[in-house]
C-alpha atoms as a PDB file:
ATOM      1  CA  MET A   1      21.294  -5.538 -13.173  1.00  0.00           C
ATOM      2  CA  ASP A   2      24.271  -3.718 -14.622  1.00  0.00           C
ATOM      3  CA  LEU A   3      24.613  -5.076 -18.170  1.00  0.00           C
ATOM      4  CA  THR A   4      28.227  -3.947 -18.557  1.00  0.00           C
ATOM      5  CA  ASN A   5      30.367  -6.894 -19.664  1.00  0.00           C
ATOM      6  CA  LYS A   6      27.590  -9.444 -19.141  1.00  0.00           C
ATOM      7  CA  ALA A   7      28.019 -12.380 -21.545  1.00  0.00           C
ATOM      8  CA  ALA A   8      24.883 -12.953 -23.631  1.00  0.00           C
ATOM      9  CA  LEU A   9      24.107 -15.703 -26.125  1.00  0.00           C
ATOM     10  CA  VAL A  10      21.247 -15.147 -28.582  1.00  0.00           C
ATOM     11  CA  THR A  11      20.034 -17.985 -30.798  1.00  0.00           C
ATOM     12  CA  GLY A  12      18.138 -17.125 -33.943  1.00  0.00           C
ATOM     13  CA  GLY A  13      20.287 -14.018 -33.868  1.00  0.00           C
ATOM     14  CA  GLY A  14      20.808 -13.542 -37.582  1.00  0.00           C
ATOM     15  CA  SER A  15      17.576 -11.632 -38.157  1.00  0.00           C
ATOM     16  CA  GLY A  16      14.266 -10.551 -36.695  1.00  0.00           C
ATOM     17  CA  ILE A  17      13.601 -10.499 -32.968  1.00  0.00           C
ATOM     18  CA  GLY A  18      16.825 -12.305 -32.087  1.00  0.00           C
ATOM     19  CA  LEU A  19      18.996  -9.795 -33.913  1.00  0.00           C
ATOM     20  CA  GLY A  20      17.056  -6.878 -32.437  1.00  0.00           C
ATOM     21  CA  ILE A  21      17.606  -8.210 -28.921  1.00  0.00           C
ATOM     22  CA  ALA A  22      21.287  -8.919 -29.577  1.00  0.00           C
ATOM     23  CA  ARG A  23      21.907  -5.380 -30.770  1.00  0.00           C
ATOM     24  CA  ALA A  24      20.006  -3.872 -27.846  1.00  0.00           C
ATOM     25  CA  LEU A  25      21.935  -5.941 -25.307  1.00  0.00           C
ATOM     26  CA  ALA A  26      25.219  -5.002 -26.966  1.00  0.00           C
ATOM     27  CA  ALA A  27      24.246  -1.336 -26.909  1.00  0.00           C
ATOM     28  CA  GLY A  28      23.497  -1.750 -23.208  1.00  0.00           C
ATOM     29  CA  GLY A  29      27.035  -2.965 -22.511  1.00  0.00           C
ATOM     30  CA  CYS A  30      26.787  -6.744 -22.927  1.00  0.00           C
ATOM     31  CA  ARG A  31      29.295  -8.846 -24.781  1.00  0.00           C
ATOM     32  CA  VAL A  32      27.051 -10.666 -27.241  1.00  0.00           C
ATOM     33  CA  ALA A  33      27.302 -13.688 -29.499  1.00  0.00           C
ATOM     34  CA  ILE A  34      24.608 -14.527 -32.030  1.00  0.00           C
ATOM     35  CA  ALA A  35      24.052 -18.059 -33.271  1.00  0.00           C
ATOM     36  CA  GLY A  36      21.945 -19.643 -35.996  1.00  0.00           C
ATOM     37  CA  ARG A  37      22.007 -22.019 -38.927  1.00  0.00           C
ATOM     38  CA  ASN A  38      22.872 -19.449 -41.601  1.00  0.00           C
ATOM     39  CA  LEU A  39      26.483 -18.370 -41.052  1.00  0.00           C
ATOM     40  CA  GLN A  40      26.457 -15.840 -43.894  1.00  0.00           C
ATOM     41  CA  ARG A  41      23.387 -14.117 -42.455  1.00  0.00           C
ATOM     42  CA  LEU A  42      25.019 -14.011 -39.022  1.00  0.00           C
ATOM     43  CA  GLN A  43      28.192 -12.510 -40.428  1.00  0.00           C
ATOM     44  CA  GLU A  44      26.294  -9.873 -42.385  1.00  0.00           C
ATOM     45  CA  ALA A  45      24.339  -8.916 -39.272  1.00  0.00           C
ATOM     46  CA  ALA A  46      27.512  -8.705 -37.194  1.00  0.00           C
ATOM     47  CA  GLU A  47      29.326  -6.580 -39.758  1.00  0.00           C
ATOM     48  CA  ASP A  48      26.714  -3.822 -39.669  1.00  0.00           C
ATOM     49  CA  GLY A  49      28.831  -0.924 -38.451  1.00  0.00           C
ATOM     50  CA  SER A  50      25.869   0.966 -36.985  1.00  0.00           C
ATOM     51  CA  HIS A  51      25.804  -1.293 -33.920  1.00  0.00           C
ATOM     52  CA  PRO A  52      28.312  -2.592 -31.354  1.00  0.00           C
ATOM     53  CA  PRO A  53      30.222  -5.655 -32.584  1.00  0.00           C
ATOM     54  CA  LEU A  54      28.735  -9.121 -32.226  1.00  0.00           C
ATOM     55  CA  LEU A  55      30.467 -12.489 -32.246  1.00  0.00           C
ATOM     56  CA  VAL A  56      28.964 -15.182 -34.462  1.00  0.00           C
ATOM     57  CA  HIS A  57      28.803 -18.967 -34.466  1.00  0.00           C
ATOM     58  CA  ALA A  58      26.794 -21.337 -36.640  1.00  0.00           C
ATOM     59  CA  VAL A  59      24.568 -23.782 -34.774  1.00  0.00           C
ATOM     60  CA  ASP A  60      21.596 -26.046 -35.314  1.00  0.00           C
ATOM     61  CA  VAL A  61      19.780 -25.787 -31.995  1.00  0.00           C
ATOM     62  CA  ALA A  62      17.976 -29.073 -32.734  1.00  0.00           C
ATOM     63  CA  ASP A  63      21.347 -30.871 -32.658  1.00  0.00           C
ATOM     64  CA  ARG A  64      22.384 -31.382 -29.017  1.00  0.00           C
ATOM     65  CA  GLN A  65      26.044 -31.982 -29.814  1.00  0.00           C
ATOM     66  CA  ASP A  66      26.079 -28.871 -31.959  1.00  0.00           C
ATOM     67  CA  VAL A  67      24.696 -26.850 -29.051  1.00  0.00           C
ATOM     68  CA  ASP A  68      27.264 -28.329 -26.678  1.00  0.00           C
ATOM     69  CA  GLY A  69      29.982 -27.273 -29.119  1.00  0.00           C
ATOM     70  CA  LEU A  70      28.500 -23.781 -29.250  1.00  0.00           C
ATOM     71  CA  LEU A  71      28.774 -23.469 -25.470  1.00  0.00           C
ATOM     72  CA  VAL A  72      32.397 -24.667 -25.486  1.00  0.00           C
ATOM     73  CA  TRP A  73      33.194 -21.945 -28.024  1.00  0.00           C
ATOM     74  CA  PHE A  74      31.166 -19.335 -26.120  1.00  0.00           C
ATOM     75  CA  ARG A  75      32.987 -19.990 -22.855  1.00  0.00           C
ATOM     76  CA  GLU A  76      36.340 -19.699 -24.615  1.00  0.00           C
ATOM     77  CA  GLU A  77      35.385 -16.390 -26.238  1.00  0.00           C
ATOM     78  CA  LEU A  78      33.226 -14.662 -23.618  1.00  0.00           C
ATOM     79  CA  GLY A  79      33.288 -16.792 -20.486  1.00  0.00           C
ATOM     80  CA  PRO A  80      30.311 -18.429 -18.739  1.00  0.00           C
ATOM     81  CA  PRO A  81      26.947 -17.199 -20.063  1.00  0.00           C
ATOM     82  CA  ASP A  82      25.043 -14.666 -17.964  1.00  0.00           C
ATOM     83  CA  ILE A  83      22.116 -14.389 -20.381  1.00  0.00           C
ATOM     84  CA  LEU A  84      20.575 -16.842 -22.837  1.00  0.00           C
ATOM     85  CA  VAL A  85      17.951 -15.709 -25.332  1.00  0.00           C
ATOM     86  CA  ASN A  86      16.149 -18.540 -27.115  1.00  0.00           C
ATOM     87  CA  SER A  87      14.877 -16.852 -30.274  1.00  0.00           C
ATOM     88  CA  ALA A  88      15.412 -19.578 -32.877  1.00  0.00           C
ATOM     89  CA  GLY A  89      12.070 -20.568 -34.386  1.00  0.00           C
ATOM     90  CA  ILE A  90      10.364 -21.587 -37.602  1.00  0.00           C
ATOM     91  CA  ASN A  91       6.927 -22.033 -39.116  1.00  0.00           C
ATOM     92  CA  VAL A  92       5.695 -23.517 -42.392  1.00  0.00           C
ATOM     93  CA  PRO A  93       3.157 -22.288 -44.964  1.00  0.00           C
ATOM     94  CA  ASN A  94       0.824 -25.320 -44.798  1.00  0.00           C
ATOM     95  CA  ARG A  95      -0.341 -24.944 -41.214  1.00  0.00           C
ATOM     96  CA  ALA A  96      -3.673 -26.762 -40.948  1.00  0.00           C
ATOM     97  CA  MET A  97      -3.510 -30.250 -39.448  1.00  0.00           C
ATOM     98  CA  ALA A  98      -4.886 -31.772 -42.646  1.00  0.00           C
ATOM     99  CA  GLU A  99      -1.994 -30.265 -44.611  1.00  0.00           C
ATOM    100  CA  LEU A 100       0.870 -30.543 -42.128  1.00  0.00           C
ATOM    101  CA  ASP A 101       3.417 -33.205 -43.099  1.00  0.00           C
ATOM    102  CA  PRO A 102       4.901 -35.319 -40.275  1.00  0.00           C
ATOM    103  CA  GLU A 103       8.381 -34.156 -41.299  1.00  0.00           C
ATOM    104  CA  GLN A 104       7.335 -30.518 -40.857  1.00  0.00           C
ATOM    105  CA  TRP A 105       5.828 -31.285 -37.473  1.00  0.00           C
ATOM    106  CA  ASP A 106       9.078 -32.934 -36.413  1.00  0.00           C
ATOM    107  CA  GLN A 107      11.115 -29.964 -37.626  1.00  0.00           C
ATOM    108  CA  MET A 108       9.044 -27.395 -35.722  1.00  0.00           C
ATOM    109  CA  ILE A 109       9.132 -29.398 -32.510  1.00  0.00           C
ATOM    110  CA  ALA A 110      12.880 -30.008 -32.939  1.00  0.00           C
ATOM    111  CA  ILE A 111      13.767 -26.333 -33.443  1.00  0.00           C
ATOM    112  CA  ASN A 112      11.102 -24.429 -31.524  1.00  0.00           C
ATOM    113  CA  LEU A 113      10.839 -26.705 -28.486  1.00  0.00           C
ATOM    114  CA  THR A 114      13.700 -29.210 -28.294  1.00  0.00           C
ATOM    115  CA  GLY A 115      16.092 -26.490 -29.468  1.00  0.00           C
ATOM    116  CA  ALA A 116      15.118 -24.342 -26.484  1.00  0.00           C
ATOM    117  CA  TYR A 117      15.556 -27.338 -24.175  1.00  0.00           C
ATOM    118  CA  ASN A 118      19.012 -28.086 -25.621  1.00  0.00           C
ATOM    119  CA  CYS A 119      20.221 -24.523 -25.055  1.00  0.00           C
ATOM    120  CA  ILE A 120      18.764 -24.264 -21.553  1.00  0.00           C
ATOM    121  CA  HIS A 121      20.274 -27.621 -20.632  1.00  0.00           C
ATOM    122  CA  ALA A 122      23.657 -26.441 -21.881  1.00  0.00           C
ATOM    123  CA  VAL A 123      23.780 -23.152 -19.937  1.00  0.00           C
ATOM    124  CA  LEU A 124      22.259 -24.248 -16.618  1.00  0.00           C
ATOM    125  CA  PRO A 125      25.409 -25.803 -15.092  1.00  0.00           C
ATOM    126  CA  ASP A 126      27.322 -22.520 -15.406  1.00  0.00           C
ATOM    127  CA  MET A 127      24.395 -20.481 -14.097  1.00  0.00           C
ATOM    128  CA  ARG A 128      23.818 -22.825 -11.167  1.00  0.00           C
ATOM    129  CA  SER A 129      27.471 -22.771 -10.155  1.00  0.00           C
ATOM    130  CA  ARG A 130      27.484 -18.955 -10.178  1.00  0.00           C
ATOM    131  CA  LYS A 131      24.050 -18.642  -8.525  1.00  0.00           C
ATOM    132  CA  SER A 132      22.895 -16.220 -11.199  1.00  0.00           C
ATOM    133  CA  GLY A 133      21.648 -16.096 -14.768  1.00  0.00           C
ATOM    134  CA  TRP A 134      18.736 -15.059 -16.960  1.00  0.00           C
ATOM    135  CA  ILE A 135      16.999 -17.142 -19.623  1.00  0.00           C
ATOM    136  CA  VAL A 136      14.634 -15.480 -22.092  1.00  0.00           C
ATOM    137  CA  ASN A 137      12.345 -17.592 -24.281  1.00  0.00           C
ATOM    138  CA  ILE A 138      10.803 -15.879 -27.296  1.00  0.00           C
ATOM    139  CA  SER A 139       7.491 -17.658 -27.692  1.00  0.00           C
ATOM    140  CA  SER A 140       4.360 -16.185 -29.339  1.00  0.00           C
ATOM    141  CA  ILE A 141       0.792 -15.374 -28.385  1.00  0.00           C
ATOM    142  CA  ALA A 142       0.159 -18.555 -30.418  1.00  0.00           C
ATOM    143  CA  GLY A 143       1.787 -20.224 -27.423  1.00  0.00           C
ATOM    144  CA  LYS A 144      -0.868 -18.750 -25.121  1.00  0.00           C
ATOM    145  CA  ARG A 145      -3.956 -18.866 -27.347  1.00  0.00           C
ATOM    146  CA  ALA A 146      -4.133 -21.562 -30.019  1.00  0.00           C
ATOM    147  CA  MET A 147      -5.022 -20.012 -33.370  1.00  0.00           C
ATOM    148  CA  ALA A 148      -5.426 -21.089 -36.980  1.00  0.00           C
ATOM    149  CA  LEU A 149      -3.021 -18.350 -38.072  1.00  0.00           C
ATOM    150  CA  GLY A 150      -0.165 -20.016 -36.191  1.00  0.00           C
ATOM    151  CA  GLY A 151      -1.106 -23.539 -37.165  1.00  0.00           C
ATOM    152  CA  ALA A 152      -1.204 -26.793 -35.232  1.00  0.00           C
ATOM    153  CA  GLY A 153       2.532 -27.498 -35.195  1.00  0.00           C
ATOM    154  CA  TYR A 154       3.662 -23.964 -34.383  1.00  0.00           C
ATOM    155  CA  CYS A 155       1.092 -23.498 -31.611  1.00  0.00           C
ATOM    156  CA  ALA A 156       1.963 -26.847 -30.056  1.00  0.00           C
ATOM    157  CA  SER A 157       5.686 -26.101 -30.116  1.00  0.00           C
ATOM    158  CA  LYS A 158       5.221 -22.638 -28.603  1.00  0.00           C
ATOM    159  CA  PHE A 159       2.852 -23.892 -25.901  1.00  0.00           C
ATOM    160  CA  GLY A 160       5.533 -26.436 -25.050  1.00  0.00           C
ATOM    161  CA  MET A 161       8.231 -23.773 -24.977  1.00  0.00           C
ATOM    162  CA  GLY A 162       6.152 -21.732 -22.550  1.00  0.00           C
ATOM    163  CA  ALA A 163       5.622 -24.715 -20.259  1.00  0.00           C
ATOM    164  CA  LEU A 164       9.322 -25.534 -20.396  1.00  0.00           C
ATOM    165  CA  GLY A 165      10.324 -21.986 -19.452  1.00  0.00           C
ATOM    166  CA  THR A 166       7.776 -21.709 -16.672  1.00  0.00           C
ATOM    167  CA  THR A 167       8.832 -25.002 -15.113  1.00  0.00           C
ATOM    168  CA  VAL A 168      12.542 -24.202 -15.328  1.00  0.00           C
ATOM    169  CA  GLY A 169      11.863 -20.822 -13.756  1.00  0.00           C
ATOM    170  CA  LEU A 170      10.123 -22.449 -10.800  1.00  0.00           C
ATOM    171  CA  GLU A 171      12.841 -25.045 -10.357  1.00  0.00           C
ATOM    172  CA  GLU A 172      15.833 -22.756 -10.712  1.00  0.00           C
ATOM    173  CA  ARG A 173      14.852 -19.646  -8.763  1.00  0.00           C
ATOM    174  CA  SER A 174      16.495 -21.131  -5.667  1.00  0.00           C
ATOM    175  CA  HIS A 175      19.754 -21.045  -7.667  1.00  0.00           C
ATOM    176  CA  GLY A 176      19.361 -17.341  -8.447  1.00  0.00           C
ATOM    177  CA  ILE A 177      18.284 -18.020 -12.053  1.00  0.00           C
ATOM    178  CA  HIS A 178      15.527 -15.942 -13.641  1.00  0.00           C
ATOM    179  CA  VAL A 179      13.416 -17.171 -16.562  1.00  0.00           C
ATOM    180  CA  THR A 180      11.169 -14.930 -18.675  1.00  0.00           C
ATOM    181  CA  ASN A 181       8.810 -16.145 -21.393  1.00  0.00           C
ATOM    182  CA  ILE A 182       7.942 -13.432 -23.921  1.00  0.00           C
ATOM    183  CA  TYR A 183       4.804 -13.813 -26.024  1.00  0.00           C
ATOM    184  CA  PRO A 184       4.798 -11.360 -28.960  1.00  0.00           C
ATOM    185  CA  GLY A 185       1.877 -10.776 -31.245  1.00  0.00           C
ATOM    186  CA  GLU A 186       2.497 -10.006 -34.905  1.00  0.00           C
ATOM    187  CA  VAL A 187       6.033  -8.743 -35.515  1.00  0.00           C
ATOM    188  CA  ASP A 188       7.471  -7.572 -38.818  1.00  0.00           C
ATOM    189  CA  THR A 189      10.192 -10.213 -39.281  1.00  0.00           C
ATOM    190  CA  PRO A 190      11.315 -12.653 -42.009  1.00  0.00           C
ATOM    191  CA  ILE A 191       9.063 -15.406 -40.565  1.00  0.00           C
ATOM    192  CA  LEU A 192       6.179 -13.606 -42.290  1.00  0.00           C
ATOM    193  CA  GLU A 193       7.546 -14.974 -45.559  1.00  0.00           C
ATOM    194  CA  LYS A 194       6.255 -18.379 -44.416  1.00  0.00           C
ATOM    195  CA  ARG A 195       2.646 -17.169 -44.172  1.00  0.00           C
ATOM    196  CA  PRO A 196       0.173 -19.077 -46.375  1.00  0.00           C
ATOM    197  CA  THR A 197      -0.733 -15.774 -48.068  1.00  0.00           C
ATOM    198  CA  PRO A 198       1.495 -12.688 -48.520  1.00  0.00           C
ATOM    199  CA  VAL A 199       1.179  -9.999 -45.855  1.00  0.00           C
ATOM    200  CA  PRO A 200       0.247  -6.572 -47.281  1.00  0.00           C
ATOM    201  CA  GLN A 201       2.796  -3.835 -46.728  1.00  0.00           C
ATOM    202  CA  GLU A 202       0.274  -1.602 -44.982  1.00  0.00           C
ATOM    203  CA  LYS A 203      -0.281  -4.312 -42.367  1.00  0.00           C
ATOM    204  CA  ARG A 204       3.441  -4.844 -41.863  1.00  0.00           C
ATOM    205  CA  VAL A 205       3.804  -1.130 -41.122  1.00  0.00           C
ATOM    206  CA  ALA A 206       1.348  -1.467 -38.230  1.00  0.00           C
ATOM    207  CA  MET A 207       3.008  -4.557 -36.762  1.00  0.00           C
ATOM    208  CA  LEU A 208       5.455  -4.601 -33.879  1.00  0.00           C
ATOM    209  CA  LYS A 209       9.116  -4.233 -34.823  1.00  0.00           C
ATOM    210  CA  PRO A 210      11.974  -6.320 -33.398  1.00  0.00           C
ATOM    211  CA  GLU A 211      13.249  -3.273 -31.522  1.00  0.00           C
ATOM    212  CA  ASP A 212       9.955  -3.090 -29.587  1.00  0.00           C
ATOM    213  CA  ILE A 213      10.613  -6.525 -28.133  1.00  0.00           C
ATOM    214  CA  ALA A 214      14.288  -5.690 -27.649  1.00  0.00           C
ATOM    215  CA  GLU A 215      13.502  -2.591 -25.590  1.00  0.00           C
ATOM    216  CA  MET A 216      11.407  -4.653 -23.191  1.00  0.00           C
ATOM    217  CA  VAL A 217      14.125  -7.283 -22.878  1.00  0.00           C
ATOM    218  CA  VAL A 218      16.661  -4.658 -21.885  1.00  0.00           C
ATOM    219  CA  ALA A 219      14.193  -3.093 -19.442  1.00  0.00           C
ATOM    220  CA  VAL A 220      13.600  -6.439 -17.716  1.00  0.00           C
ATOM    221  CA  ALA A 221      17.328  -7.192 -17.737  1.00  0.00           C
ATOM    222  CA  ARG A 222      18.012  -4.021 -15.774  1.00  0.00           C
ATOM    223  CA  LEU A 223      15.621  -4.858 -12.950  1.00  0.00           C
ATOM    224  CA  HIS A 224      17.063  -5.619  -9.531  1.00  0.00           C
ATOM    225  CA  PRO A 225      17.754  -9.370  -9.133  1.00  0.00           C
ATOM    226  CA  ARG A 226      15.044  -9.536  -6.455  1.00  0.00           C
ATOM    227  CA  ALA A 227      12.441  -8.971  -9.225  1.00  0.00           C
ATOM    228  CA  VAL A 228      11.250 -11.719 -11.568  1.00  0.00           C
ATOM    229  CA  VAL A 229       9.144 -11.252 -14.704  1.00  0.00           C
ATOM    230  CA  PRO A 230       7.905 -14.779 -15.494  1.00  0.00           C
ATOM    231  CA  GLU A 231       6.039 -13.775 -18.637  1.00  0.00           C
ATOM    232  CA  LEU A 232       5.370 -10.796 -20.839  1.00  0.00           C
ATOM    233  CA  VAL A 233       2.754 -10.393 -23.600  1.00  0.00           C
ATOM    234  CA  ILE A 234       3.351  -7.696 -26.237  1.00  0.00           C
ATOM    235  CA  THR A 235       0.971  -7.065 -29.152  1.00  0.00           C
ATOM    236  CA  PRO A 236       0.505  -4.397 -31.791  1.00  0.00           C
ATOM    237  CA  LEU A 237      -2.356  -2.029 -31.007  1.00  0.00           C
ATOM    238  CA  TYR A 238      -4.636  -3.482 -33.690  1.00  0.00           C
ATOM    239  CA  GLN A 239      -4.273  -7.122 -32.584  1.00  0.00           C
ATOM    240  CA  GLU A 240      -6.838  -8.381 -30.090  1.00  0.00           C
ATOM    241  CA  TYR A 241      -5.640 -10.500 -27.190  1.00  0.00           C
ATOM    242  CA  ALA A 242      -7.881 -11.593 -24.380  1.00  0.00           C
END
C-alpha cells in the first residue's frame, strides 16, 4: 500500500504506542488525526515540531455519540478513513479480582473493549463502501495469555478486543477490509504509572519502545493488499512468551 495521503485515525494518540504509530504513519505520508480524552496532551503532542503535523480531536471512545461526532469531524477534515488504529486503553493499580472494584471493571471494559467496538462500528460503513480499509487493534500479550501482572479486568478486556478484531477480520475480508491485532509485551509508556509497584528505570530501558511497535505497523501497512496479517506478537528480548 502506498501510504501517501491515506487518512488515518489513531485513538489513544496523545502518548505512548498510539502517538508513536501516529507519528510513524505521518512520516510515511499519511494524513493523521489523533484522538483521546486529554485535549491538552493531544495538542502538545501535535505541536512537536520534530514530526509531521497531526490533527487533534478530543473523544471518549466509551461514549458512542462522542465517537460518532469524531467521525463526522474526521470526514470533514480528512475525508473517509483509510486506517483506524485502536490504541486507547487503561489499567488500574489494584488488579487482583479480590481488589478490583466493579466501577473499575466497568471502566476497563468500556474503554478497552467497547471503545474499540464503537470506533470499528463507526468506520466500517465508509470502508465497506470503498471496498478497502485497515483496522489495527493494539491489544497486549495479556490478551493472549492471562497473567497476574495484567490483572483480571485488563486481561478480560484485551482478550475480548482480540476476539472482536479477529471476528471482524473474518467477516469483512470480502469487503476488502484488513484487520490486524497487535499483542505487545512490556512497552515503556505512561500506562506503567498504573502498575501496583513502581517499575525500576533499568527495566524500563530494556522494554520495547513505542517506535518499535510503530515500525511494524508501517511495515504491515505497506504490504500489498493481497496480504493479510491477522495478528502480530512483539515482546522485549527478556520477556518470555510461549
